[in-house]
Amino acid sequence: MLHDVTLDFADIFDQVGRISANVGASSADGEGSVLYDFVATTRYDRELLDRFRVEALSALTPVFSQFMSCLLNGKETVTIRLDLPGNFNVQYLGPVRGAARDFMVNAILASWFGIKAKAEQEQYAQKAAANLADIDAKIYIRRAPIRHEPK
């Protein structure tokens, strides 16, 4: 059974921007000044964030490697095509897609905060690791076999 996990980079970068702005607005330096301008991402940071995106995608694809039939890498999206067994529980496909998106956001933020807000870096790195573990667990969940009675 072929299933796609499509990641929209505009959506991912939008979430990165929102979270980094929120962290920046709620953070203060030692003198009580808000760090919004220092922590929040801007369009000028896109080149660096793109590099973090490539690193995050490189960390994500090994989780899918056993089932990955191809990787379609476009300019604004990437599609990971999975050839999952017939007994894969498709109810977990949505959560797998969500965890993949969340991993990308958290991994990019962990890298960004490694430069801009070191106190936040570990938290987002742990969230990214939890997202990978979640994907790894869900992708192996199988449906119970269905027994058909002979007629």
Protein backbone atom coordinates (compact mmCIF):
# COMPACT_ATOMS: atom_id res chain seq x y z
CA MET A 1 0.00 0.00 0.00
CA LEU A 2 1.52 3.30 -1.08
CA HIS A 3 1.02 6.28 1.23
CA ASP A 4 2.55 9.75 1.07
CA VAL A 5 3.88 11.92 3.86
CA THR A 6 4.06 15.43 2.43
CA LEU A 7 5.81 18.20 4.31
CA ASP A 8 4.99 21.79 3.33
CA PHE A 9 7.97 24.00 4.08
CA ALA A 10 5.92 27.21 4.13
CA ASP A 11 3.77 25.71 6.90
CA ILE A 12 6.84 24.45 8.76
CA PHE A 13 8.63 27.81 8.56
CA ASP A 14 5.42 29.58 9.62
CA GLN A 15 5.32 27.45 12.77
CA VAL A 16 9.04 28.02 13.40
CA GLY A 17 8.47 31.77 13.08
CA ARG A 18 5.50 31.75 15.44
CA ILE A 19 7.22 29.68 18.10
CA SER A 20 10.50 31.60 17.92
CA ALA A 21 8.58 34.90 18.17
CA ASN A 22 6.68 33.60 21.18
CA VAL A 23 9.87 32.40 22.87
CA GLY A 24 11.56 35.71 22.09
CA ALA A 25 8.64 37.74 23.43
CA SER A 26 8.56 35.77 26.66
CA SER A 27 12.34 35.72 27.19
CA ALA A 28 14.37 38.40 28.87
CA ASP A 29 18.07 38.92 29.17
CA GLY A 30 19.83 39.49 32.48
CA GLU A 31 18.84 43.16 32.44
CA GLY A 32 15.13 42.48 31.89
CA SER A 33 15.04 43.44 28.19
CA VAL A 34 12.83 41.32 25.96
CA LEU A 35 14.78 39.22 23.45
CA TYR A 36 12.11 39.21 20.72
CA ASP A 37 14.27 40.85 18.04
CA PHE A 38 17.17 38.56 18.84
CA VAL A 39 15.30 35.23 18.99
CA ALA A 40 12.45 35.62 16.47
CA THR A 41 13.13 34.50 12.92
CA THR A 42 12.76 36.86 9.98
CA ARG A 43 12.75 36.42 6.22
CA TYR A 44 16.45 37.35 6.24
CA ASP A 45 17.18 34.23 8.27
CA ARG A 46 15.70 31.97 5.59
CA GLU A 47 19.04 30.78 4.18
CA LEU A 48 20.19 29.54 7.57
CA LEU A 49 16.78 28.04 8.33
CA ASP A 50 16.89 26.25 4.97
CA ARG A 51 20.14 24.63 6.01
CA PHE A 52 18.51 23.52 9.27
CA ARG A 53 15.58 22.16 7.22
CA VAL A 54 17.94 20.02 5.13
CA GLU A 55 19.61 18.72 8.31
CA ALA A 56 16.22 17.91 9.86
CA LEU A 57 15.06 16.10 6.73
CA SER A 58 18.29 14.09 6.72
CA ALA A 59 17.55 13.03 10.30
CA LEU A 60 13.91 12.18 9.50
CA THR A 61 14.32 9.97 6.44
CA PRO A 62 16.16 7.07 8.18
CA VAL A 63 13.06 6.48 10.32
CA PHE A 64 11.12 5.79 7.13
CA SER A 65 13.94 4.00 5.29
CA GLN A 66 12.54 0.47 5.57
CA PHE A 67 9.32 1.54 3.87
CA MET A 68 10.46 4.47 1.70
CA SER A 69 9.96 3.83 -2.00
CA CYS A 70 10.99 7.34 -3.09
CA LEU A 71 11.66 10.85 -1.89
CA LEU A 72 10.25 13.67 -4.03
CA ASN A 73 12.12 16.79 -2.98
CA GLY A 74 10.57 19.96 -4.39
CA LYS A 75 11.32 23.60 -3.74
CA GLU A 76 8.47 24.15 -1.25
CA THR A 77 7.47 20.59 -0.34
CA VAL A 78 8.95 17.17 0.11
CA THR A 79 6.97 13.98 -0.29
CA ILE A 80 8.12 10.76 1.28
CA ARG A 81 6.36 7.88 -0.48
CA LEU A 82 5.98 4.87 1.78
CA ASP A 83 5.27 1.35 0.63
CA LEU A 84 3.62 0.06 3.80
CA PRO A 85 2.48 -3.52 4.31
CA GLY A 86 -1.18 -4.33 3.76
CA ASN A 87 -1.74 -4.90 7.46
CA PHE A 88 -0.48 -1.41 8.43
CA ASN A 89 -3.12 0.28 10.57
CA VAL A 90 -4.00 3.29 8.39
CA GLN A 91 -5.59 5.03 11.39
CA TYR A 92 -2.03 5.91 12.40
CA LEU A 93 -1.13 7.51 9.08
CA GLY A 94 -2.45 10.95 10.16
CA PRO A 95 -0.53 10.88 13.46
CA VAL A 96 2.63 9.76 11.60
CA ARG A 97 2.26 12.70 9.20
CA GLY A 98 1.70 15.09 12.12
CA ALA A 99 4.69 13.75 14.02
CA ALA A 100 6.88 14.14 10.91
CA ARG A 101 5.79 17.78 10.58
CA ASP A 102 6.30 18.38 14.31
CA PHE A 103 9.74 16.77 14.12
CA MET A 104 10.77 19.14 11.34
CA VAL A 105 9.55 22.17 13.33
CA ASN A 106 11.21 21.06 16.58
CA ALA A 107 14.49 20.05 14.93
CA ILE A 108 14.75 23.39 13.11
CA LEU A 109 13.94 25.25 16.33
CA ALA A 110 16.54 23.24 18.26
CA SER A 111 19.18 24.24 15.72
CA TRP A 112 17.98 27.87 15.69
CA PHE A 113 17.93 28.13 19.47
CA GLY A 114 21.43 26.64 19.53
CA ILE A 115 22.47 29.98 18.05
CA LYS A 116 19.92 32.36 19.53
CA ALA A 117 18.56 30.98 22.81
CA LYS A 118 20.65 28.18 24.25
CA ALA A 119 18.35 27.79 27.25
CA GLU A 120 15.57 26.63 24.89
CA GLN A 121 17.69 24.36 22.69
CA GLU A 122 17.57 21.23 24.86
CA GLN A 123 13.79 21.37 25.23
CA TYR A 124 13.22 21.44 21.47
CA ALA A 125 15.88 18.80 20.82
CA GLN A 126 14.06 16.51 23.26
CA LYS A 127 10.74 17.24 21.56
CA ALA A 128 12.28 16.37 18.19
CA ALA A 129 13.67 13.10 19.56
CA ALA A 130 10.24 12.27 21.00
CA ASN A 131 8.66 12.94 17.59
CA LEU A 132 11.10 10.50 15.93
CA ALA A 133 10.35 7.85 18.56
CA ASP A 134 6.62 8.40 18.04
CA ILE A 135 6.94 7.90 14.28
CA ASP A 136 9.10 4.83 14.77
CA ALA A 137 6.54 3.28 17.12
CA LYS A 138 3.46 4.09 15.02
CA ILE A 139 4.83 3.00 11.68
CA TYR A 140 5.14 -0.57 12.95
CA ILE A 141 1.59 -0.87 14.34
CA ARG A 142 -0.35 -3.51 12.49
CA ARG A 143 -4.03 -4.37 12.27
CA ALA A 144 -5.24 -7.59 13.74
CA PRO A 145 -5.86 -10.19 11.07
CA ILE A 146 -9.45 -10.49 9.90
CA ARG A 147 -10.73 -14.01 9.71
CA HIS A 148 -13.24 -14.67 6.97
CA GLU A 149 -15.56 -17.56 7.56
CA PRO A 150 -15.86 -19.93 4.61
CA LYS A 151 -19.26 -19.97 2.93
